[in-house]
């Protein structure tokens, strides 16, 4: 290979290495984001369940008051 070809190849490799590093960084950010929204989803499901139980309890108490 000529010197010019080697320099062009080295430049392309450097660009590829930079792109790989960018993609790794982006992937880490996406994984962190996914973890955060999964945790938030879990908390929201838990809050929803608590609210549902409270509403069911209130409905039961209201029905009991109606019967009295």
Protein backbone atom coordinates (compact mmCIF):
# COMPACT_ATOMS: atom_id res chain seq x y z
CA UNK A 1 0.00 0.00 0.00
CA UNK A 2 1.08 3.50 -0.60
CA UNK A 3 1.56 6.01 2.15
CA UNK A 4 -1.54 7.92 1.04
CA UNK A 5 -3.65 4.76 1.20
CA UNK A 6 -2.37 4.00 4.69
CA UNK A 7 -3.15 7.52 5.86
CA UNK A 8 -6.67 7.31 4.40
CA UNK A 9 -7.19 3.93 6.06
CA UNK A 10 -5.88 5.26 9.39
CA UNK A 11 -8.24 8.25 9.15
CA UNK A 12 -11.20 5.96 8.45
CA UNK A 13 -10.26 3.72 11.36
CA UNK A 14 -10.02 6.73 13.65
CA UNK A 15 -13.51 7.83 12.56
CA UNK A 16 -14.84 4.35 13.19
CA UNK A 17 -13.27 4.26 16.64
CA UNK A 18 -14.81 7.63 17.47
CA UNK A 19 -18.20 6.45 16.23
CA UNK A 20 -17.98 3.29 18.33
CA UNK A 21 -17.20 5.39 21.40
CA UNK A 22 -20.14 7.68 20.64
CA UNK A 23 -22.43 4.68 20.28
CA UNK A 24 -21.17 3.18 23.54
CA UNK A 25 -21.88 6.46 25.34
CA UNK A 26 -25.30 6.72 23.74
CA UNK A 27 -26.06 3.12 24.70
CA UNK A 28 -25.09 3.77 28.33
CA UNK A 29 -27.40 6.79 28.40
CA UNK A 30 -30.24 4.79 26.91
CA UNK A 31 -29.76 1.99 29.42
CA UNK A 32 -29.76 4.48 32.30
CA UNK A 33 -32.89 6.10 30.91
CA UNK A 34 -34.58 2.73 30.54
CA UNK A 35 -33.70 1.84 34.13
CA UNK A 36 -35.16 5.14 35.35
CA UNK A 37 -38.44 4.76 33.49
CA UNK A 38 -38.77 1.13 34.59
CA UNK A 39 -38.36 2.23 38.22
CA UNK A 40 -40.86 5.04 37.69
CA UNK A 41 -43.29 2.60 36.08
CA UNK A 42 -42.95 0.25 39.02
CA UNK A 43 -43.64 3.09 41.46
CA UNK A 44 -46.66 4.22 39.46
CA UNK A 45 -48.06 0.68 39.38
CA UNK A 46 -47.63 0.47 43.15
CA UNK A 47 -49.34 3.84 43.68
CA UNK A 48 -52.15 2.78 41.36
CA UNK A 49 -52.67 -0.42 43.35
CA UNK A 50 -52.76 1.53 46.61
CA UNK A 51 -55.29 3.98 45.17
CA UNK A 52 -57.41 1.11 43.85
CA UNK A 53 -57.44 -0.55 47.28
CA UNK A 54 -58.42 2.71 48.95
CA UNK A 55 -61.27 3.26 46.49
CA UNK A 56 -62.47 -0.32 46.93
CA UNK A 57 -62.35 0.15 50.70
CA UNK A 58 -64.34 3.39 50.48
CA UNK A 59 -66.93 1.71 48.25
CA UNK A 60 -67.26 -1.14 50.74
CA UNK A 61 -67.73 1.31 53.61
CA UNK A 62 -70.33 3.27 51.65
CA UNK A 63 -72.22 0.07 50.83
CA UNK A 64 -72.10 -0.90 54.51
CA UNK A 65 -73.49 2.53 55.48
CA UNK A 66 -76.28 2.15 52.92
CA UNK A 67 -77.34 -1.15 54.43
CA UNK A 68 -77.56 0.29 57.95
